[in-house]
Structures are given as C-alpha cells and as structure tokens.
Amino acid sequence: MKITILLMLSFFSICVTAAAEDLYLLRLDAVGYDKSAEESPQEKVMQSIEVVARLNELFHSKVKTGPETQLLSGKFYAEEGELKVRLHYQRLLDVGNVVPVSIDRDGTVITEPVLDRSEIQTTVAVKLNTETWVGRFEIDSDSTQGSTRTSSKSKVNYQLFLSHYKPPAE
C-alpha cells in the first residue's frame, strides 16, 4: 500500500513538472511617452499585458483598468526551427463621449461610447528571454489656445518578451 501511494505521488509530481515546463509567459509592453513637449522625453512602460501560453495553442488575455481595456490573443508555435507568435493586440480607451446609434420603440436614443483604439496584428519570430519589437505609434501634435501655440509628441514602442512560465509555489 505504501509503495502504491509513493508511486502515485511520484507520478503526480512528474506530470505537474512536465506540464509546467510546457508553459511560457508572453508579455507585451508599451514603452514610450504621451503628449510631451520636451525635446528628448524619458520613456517608461505605459501599459503591459501578459498571458500564459503553450506551444502550438491559441492564447487570449483581457485586462480592464478604469476606462482602458487591453486585449491580447493569438497563437504561439514553432516553424522551421523558430519560435513564432501570431498576435492581435487591441487597446481601447473610453474617451468619455458617446454617439447615438439608434432609437428604440419608446423614442429613447441608444448611445455607444467613443473609443480611442490602438491595434497591432502581426506575426514575429521570438527568442526566449529576448525582447522583440512588434510595432510603433508616433504622433506629433500642435494646439493653439488664444495666441499661444504648443507642440507635443507621443511615441509608443510595443515590445514582446517571451520567457518560461514558473507557476507560483503553493
């Protein structure tokens, strides 16, 4: 009986270890600055989203923080000796305005929020423990208030980082 229990525990620990080794962590960081008037603004991590993925399987992650929603989905796979990620990333920001979309039977106007949307859809080769650049947005803007004109810049670089996932100890 003791041998049977010992064998079962050994088998269970081997299965858990093997399953954990198949797991990878994909993290997408948005690094940059927003509406800066400085000549060389300091970049920082502005948003980040993570997902645990398995080789040759689909993945999906959604993070909602206040008016912002981030979605990351795709597939992590190996092809011709390379690790690749096909990803679809969306960042939706509720800007606080609404637009009418229809009128119901009672005459009530149905509205939807106006969303600022950033989106990346790409396939990239990745290496373990190495950042991979997947996209960039840059915006130069000028605004005038009275006789004062101001210029600002925004820049976001999207970087994907792949590492082995280590589940937290219980």
C-alpha atoms as a PDB file:
ATOM      1  CA  MET A   1       0.000   0.000   0.000  1.00  0.00           C
ATOM      2  CA  LYS A   2       2.808   2.422   0.901  1.00  0.00           C
ATOM      3  CA  ILE A   3       4.577   1.643  -2.374  1.00  0.00           C
ATOM      4  CA  THR A   4       1.385   2.343  -4.344  1.00  0.00           C
ATOM      5  CA  ILE A   5       0.929   5.722  -2.662  1.00  0.00           C
ATOM      6  CA  LEU A   6       4.592   6.570  -3.197  1.00  0.00           C
ATOM      7  CA  LEU A   7       4.344   5.639  -6.892  1.00  0.00           C
ATOM      8  CA  MET A   8       1.172   7.739  -7.290  1.00  0.00           C
ATOM      9  CA  LEU A   9       2.822  10.777  -5.665  1.00  0.00           C
ATOM     10  CA  SER A  10       5.928  10.364  -7.843  1.00  0.00           C
ATOM     11  CA  PHE A  11       3.807  10.111 -10.986  1.00  0.00           C
ATOM     12  CA  PHE A  12       1.764  13.183  -9.995  1.00  0.00           C
ATOM     13  CA  SER A  13       4.881  15.305  -9.341  1.00  0.00           C
ATOM     14  CA  ILE A  14       6.399  14.230 -12.688  1.00  0.00           C
ATOM     15  CA  CYS A  15       3.168  15.165 -14.528  1.00  0.00           C
ATOM     16  CA  VAL A  16       2.961  18.563 -12.794  1.00  0.00           C
ATOM     17  CA  THR A  17       6.628  19.303 -13.603  1.00  0.00           C
ATOM     18  CA  ALA A  18       6.204  18.254 -17.248  1.00  0.00           C
ATOM     19  CA  ALA A  19       3.065  20.382 -17.625  1.00  0.00           C
ATOM     20  CA  ALA A  20       4.783  23.423 -16.078  1.00  0.00           C
ATOM     21  CA  GLU A  21       7.741  23.110 -18.475  1.00  0.00           C
ATOM     22  CA  ASP A  22       5.368  23.436 -21.441  1.00  0.00           C
ATOM     23  CA  LEU A  23       4.154  26.844 -20.258  1.00  0.00           C
ATOM     24  CA  TYR A  24       5.525  30.156 -21.496  1.00  0.00           C
ATOM     25  CA  LEU A  25       4.819  33.725 -20.443  1.00  0.00           C
ATOM     26  CA  LEU A  26       4.259  36.282 -23.202  1.00  0.00           C
ATOM     27  CA  ARG A  27       4.357  39.917 -22.052  1.00  0.00           C
ATOM     28  CA  LEU A  28       3.618  42.846 -24.335  1.00  0.00           C
ATOM     29  CA  ASP A  29       4.907  46.195 -23.044  1.00  0.00           C
ATOM     30  CA  ALA A  30       4.030  49.608 -24.436  1.00  0.00           C
ATOM     31  CA  VAL A  31       7.140  51.730 -23.811  1.00  0.00           C
ATOM     32  CA  GLY A  32       7.234  55.445 -24.578  1.00  0.00           C
ATOM     33  CA  TYR A  33       5.753  58.794 -23.577  1.00  0.00           C
ATOM     34  CA  ASP A  34       2.476  60.664 -24.074  1.00  0.00           C
ATOM     35  CA  LYS A  35       1.996  64.317 -25.092  1.00  0.00           C
ATOM     36  CA  SER A  36       5.444  65.535 -24.101  1.00  0.00           C
ATOM     37  CA  ALA A  37       6.742  68.986 -25.041  1.00  0.00           C
ATOM     38  CA  GLU A  38      10.328  68.023 -24.119  1.00  0.00           C
ATOM     39  CA  GLU A  39      12.934  67.567 -26.846  1.00  0.00           C
ATOM     40  CA  SER A  40      14.081  64.148 -25.534  1.00  0.00           C
ATOM     41  CA  PRO A  41      11.404  62.866 -23.173  1.00  0.00           C
ATOM     42  CA  GLN A  42      12.136  59.932 -20.887  1.00  0.00           C
ATOM     43  CA  GLU A  43      10.469  56.692 -21.948  1.00  0.00           C
ATOM     44  CA  LYS A  44       8.649  54.444 -19.478  1.00  0.00           C
ATOM     45  CA  VAL A  45       6.395  51.380 -19.530  1.00  0.00           C
ATOM     46  CA  MET A  46       2.935  52.832 -20.147  1.00  0.00           C
ATOM     47  CA  GLN A  47       0.873  49.622 -20.438  1.00  0.00           C
ATOM     48  CA  SER A  48       1.629  45.964 -20.083  1.00  0.00           C
ATOM     49  CA  ILE A  49      -0.359  42.776 -20.643  1.00  0.00           C
ATOM     50  CA  GLU A  50       0.663  39.174 -20.015  1.00  0.00           C
ATOM     51  CA  VAL A  51      -0.649  35.780 -20.999  1.00  0.00           C
ATOM     52  CA  VAL A  52       0.442  32.230 -20.222  1.00  0.00           C
ATOM     53  CA  ALA A  53       0.774  30.283 -23.473  1.00  0.00           C
ATOM     54  CA  ARG A  54       1.501  26.745 -24.571  1.00  0.00           C
ATOM     55  CA  LEU A  55       3.364  25.869 -27.752  1.00  0.00           C
ATOM     56  CA  ASN A  56       1.018  25.246 -30.724  1.00  0.00           C
ATOM     57  CA  GLU A  57      -2.078  26.513 -28.911  1.00  0.00           C
ATOM     58  CA  LEU A  58      -4.196  29.657 -29.059  1.00  0.00           C
ATOM     59  CA  PHE A  59      -3.976  32.208 -26.223  1.00  0.00           C
ATOM     60  CA  HIS A  60      -6.162  35.104 -25.041  1.00  0.00           C
ATOM     61  CA  SER A  61      -5.885  37.720 -22.310  1.00  0.00           C
ATOM     62  CA  LYS A  62      -8.027  40.727 -21.387  1.00  0.00           C
ATOM     63  CA  VAL A  63      -7.179  43.441 -18.857  1.00  0.00           C
ATOM     64  CA  LYS A  64      -9.607  46.231 -17.946  1.00  0.00           C
ATOM     65  CA  THR A  65      -8.320  49.149 -15.880  1.00  0.00           C
ATOM     66  CA  GLY A  66     -10.720  52.050 -15.461  1.00  0.00           C
ATOM     67  CA  PRO A  67     -11.610  53.401 -18.925  1.00  0.00           C
ATOM     68  CA  GLU A  68      -8.910  51.294 -20.633  1.00  0.00           C
ATOM     69  CA  THR A  69      -9.236  47.742 -21.973  1.00  0.00           C
ATOM     70  CA  GLN A  70      -6.347  45.716 -23.410  1.00  0.00           C
ATOM     71  CA  LEU A  71      -6.843  42.505 -25.388  1.00  0.00           C
ATOM     72  CA  LEU A  72      -4.065  40.154 -26.468  1.00  0.00           C
ATOM     73  CA  SER A  73      -4.769  36.999 -28.447  1.00  0.00           C
ATOM     74  CA  GLY A  74      -3.054  34.803 -30.983  1.00  0.00           C
ATOM     75  CA  LYS A  75      -1.058  31.618 -31.342  1.00  0.00           C
ATOM     76  CA  PHE A  76       2.407  30.603 -30.133  1.00  0.00           C
ATOM     77  CA  TYR A  77       4.036  27.993 -32.368  1.00  0.00           C
ATOM     78  CA  ALA A  78       7.275  26.572 -33.773  1.00  0.00           C
ATOM     79  CA  GLU A  79       8.014  26.665 -37.502  1.00  0.00           C
ATOM     80  CA  GLU A  80      11.233  25.677 -39.277  1.00  0.00           C
ATOM     81  CA  GLY A  81      13.190  25.651 -36.012  1.00  0.00           C
ATOM     82  CA  GLU A  82      11.989  29.114 -34.928  1.00  0.00           C
ATOM     83  CA  LEU A  83       9.537  30.099 -32.214  1.00  0.00           C
ATOM     84  CA  LYS A  84       6.862  32.408 -33.629  1.00  0.00           C
ATOM     85  CA  VAL A  85       3.957  34.380 -32.244  1.00  0.00           C
ATOM     86  CA  ARG A  86       0.960  35.420 -34.307  1.00  0.00           C
ATOM     87  CA  LEU A  87      -0.622  38.162 -32.225  1.00  0.00           C
ATOM     88  CA  HIS A  88      -3.552  40.529 -32.261  1.00  0.00           C
ATOM     89  CA  TYR A  89      -3.383  43.340 -29.703  1.00  0.00           C
ATOM     90  CA  GLN A  90      -6.033  45.985 -29.088  1.00  0.00           C
ATOM     91  CA  ARG A  91      -6.031  48.887 -26.653  1.00  0.00           C
ATOM     92  CA  LEU A  92      -9.392  50.554 -26.247  1.00  0.00           C
ATOM     93  CA  LEU A  93      -9.764  53.771 -24.246  1.00  0.00           C
ATOM     94  CA  ASP A  94     -13.170  55.225 -23.411  1.00  0.00           C
ATOM     95  CA  VAL A  95     -12.655  58.955 -24.060  1.00  0.00           C
ATOM     96  CA  GLY A  96     -15.821  59.932 -22.165  1.00  0.00           C
ATOM     97  CA  ASN A  97     -18.015  60.869 -25.139  1.00  0.00           C
ATOM     98  CA  VAL A  98     -20.960  58.975 -26.608  1.00  0.00           C
ATOM     99  CA  VAL A  99     -22.523  58.848 -30.060  1.00  0.00           C
ATOM    100  CA  PRO A 100     -26.131  57.992 -30.894  1.00  0.00           C
ATOM    101  CA  VAL A 101     -26.502  54.672 -32.704  1.00  0.00           C
ATOM    102  CA  SER A 102     -30.260  54.070 -32.777  1.00  0.00           C
ATOM    103  CA  ILE A 103     -33.640  54.973 -31.326  1.00  0.00           C
ATOM    104  CA  ASP A 104     -35.750  52.327 -29.596  1.00  0.00           C
ATOM    105  CA  ARG A 105     -39.567  51.928 -29.867  1.00  0.00           C
ATOM    106  CA  ASP A 106     -40.142  54.345 -26.994  1.00  0.00           C
ATOM    107  CA  GLY A 107     -38.102  57.080 -28.682  1.00  0.00           C
ATOM    108  CA  THR A 108     -35.121  56.686 -26.362  1.00  0.00           C
ATOM    109  CA  VAL A 109     -31.799  57.384 -28.038  1.00  0.00           C
ATOM    110  CA  ILE A 110     -29.370  54.478 -27.670  1.00  0.00           C
ATOM    111  CA  THR A 111     -25.726  55.563 -27.431  1.00  0.00           C
ATOM    112  CA  GLU A 112     -22.319  53.894 -27.512  1.00  0.00           C
ATOM    113  CA  PRO A 113     -19.078  55.195 -26.022  1.00  0.00           C
ATOM    114  CA  VAL A 114     -16.443  56.709 -28.286  1.00  0.00           C
ATOM    115  CA  LEU A 115     -13.304  54.587 -28.040  1.00  0.00           C
ATOM    116  CA  ASP A 116      -9.750  55.566 -28.892  1.00  0.00           C
ATOM    117  CA  ARG A 117      -8.296  52.407 -30.453  1.00  0.00           C
ATOM    118  CA  SER A 118      -4.717  51.242 -30.967  1.00  0.00           C
ATOM    119  CA  GLU A 119      -4.296  47.920 -32.713  1.00  0.00           C
ATOM    120  CA  ILE A 120      -1.453  45.668 -33.843  1.00  0.00           C
ATOM    121  CA  GLN A 121      -1.827  42.488 -35.843  1.00  0.00           C
ATOM    122  CA  THR A 122       1.421  40.750 -36.830  1.00  0.00           C
ATOM    123  CA  THR A 123       3.488  37.570 -36.763  1.00  0.00           C
ATOM    124  CA  VAL A 124       7.024  37.710 -35.355  1.00  0.00           C
ATOM    125  CA  ALA A 125       9.865  35.304 -34.651  1.00  0.00           C
ATOM    126  CA  VAL A 126      10.778  35.375 -30.957  1.00  0.00           C
ATOM    127  CA  LYS A 127      13.654  34.127 -28.829  1.00  0.00           C
ATOM    128  CA  LEU A 128      13.490  33.069 -25.226  1.00  0.00           C
ATOM    129  CA  ASN A 129      14.335  35.862 -22.735  1.00  0.00           C
ATOM    130  CA  THR A 130      14.755  38.438 -25.512  1.00  0.00           C
ATOM    131  CA  GLU A 131      12.585  41.469 -26.312  1.00  0.00           C
ATOM    132  CA  THR A 132      11.130  41.577 -29.825  1.00  0.00           C
ATOM    133  CA  TRP A 133       9.877  44.825 -31.337  1.00  0.00           C
ATOM    134  CA  VAL A 134       6.353  44.354 -32.797  1.00  0.00           C
ATOM    135  CA  GLY A 135       5.042  47.848 -33.557  1.00  0.00           C
ATOM    136  CA  ARG A 136       5.253  51.602 -33.049  1.00  0.00           C
ATOM    137  CA  PHE A 137       2.946  54.599 -32.943  1.00  0.00           C
ATOM    138  CA  GLU A 138       4.193  58.197 -33.162  1.00  0.00           C
ATOM    139  CA  ILE A 139       2.081  61.350 -33.054  1.00  0.00           C
ATOM    140  CA  ASP A 140       3.194  64.974 -33.387  1.00  0.00           C
ATOM    141  CA  SER A 141       0.500  67.459 -32.455  1.00  0.00           C
ATOM    142  CA  ASP A 142       0.133  71.224 -32.337  1.00  0.00           C
ATOM    143  CA  SER A 143      -2.534  73.105 -30.453  1.00  0.00           C
ATOM    144  CA  THR A 144      -3.384  76.781 -30.264  1.00  0.00           C
ATOM    145  CA  GLN A 145      -5.105  78.493 -27.366  1.00  0.00           C
ATOM    146  CA  GLY A 146      -5.510  82.190 -27.976  1.00  0.00           C
ATOM    147  CA  SER A 147      -2.123  83.394 -29.236  1.00  0.00           C
ATOM    148  CA  THR A 148      -0.201  80.550 -27.574  1.00  0.00           C
ATOM    149  CA  ARG A 149       0.828  77.625 -29.733  1.00  0.00           C
ATOM    150  CA  THR A 150       2.148  74.428 -28.161  1.00  0.00           C
ATOM    151  CA  SER A 151       3.662  71.358 -29.763  1.00  0.00           C
ATOM    152  CA  SER A 152       3.822  67.910 -28.237  1.00  0.00           C
ATOM    153  CA  LYS A 153       4.914  64.423 -29.196  1.00  0.00           C
ATOM    154  CA  SER A 154       3.682  60.969 -28.259  1.00  0.00           C
ATOM    155  CA  LYS A 155       5.515  57.742 -29.008  1.00  0.00           C
ATOM    156  CA  VAL A 156       4.826  54.129 -28.091  1.00  0.00           C
ATOM    157  CA  ASN A 157       7.030  51.140 -28.975  1.00  0.00           C
ATOM    158  CA  TYR A 158       5.441  47.714 -28.456  1.00  0.00           C
ATOM    159  CA  GLN A 159       7.862  45.038 -27.277  1.00  0.00           C
ATOM    160  CA  LEU A 160       7.064  41.356 -26.832  1.00  0.00           C
ATOM    161  CA  PHE A 161       9.011  39.346 -24.255  1.00  0.00           C
ATOM    162  CA  LEU A 162       8.984  35.531 -24.076  1.00  0.00           C
ATOM    163  CA  SER A 163      10.072  33.577 -21.006  1.00  0.00           C
ATOM    164  CA  HIS A 164       9.370  30.244 -19.362  1.00  0.00           C
ATOM    165  CA  TYR A 165       6.400  30.448 -17.010  1.00  0.00           C
ATOM    166  CA  LYS A 166       7.125  29.432 -13.441  1.00  0.00           C
ATOM    167  CA  PRO A 167       3.884  28.861 -11.506  1.00  0.00           C
ATOM    168  CA  PRO A 168       3.854  30.370  -8.026  1.00  0.00           C
ATOM    169  CA  ALA A 169       4.778  27.938  -5.250  1.00  0.00           C
ATOM    170  CA  GLU A 170       1.841  26.667  -3.253  1.00  0.00           C
END
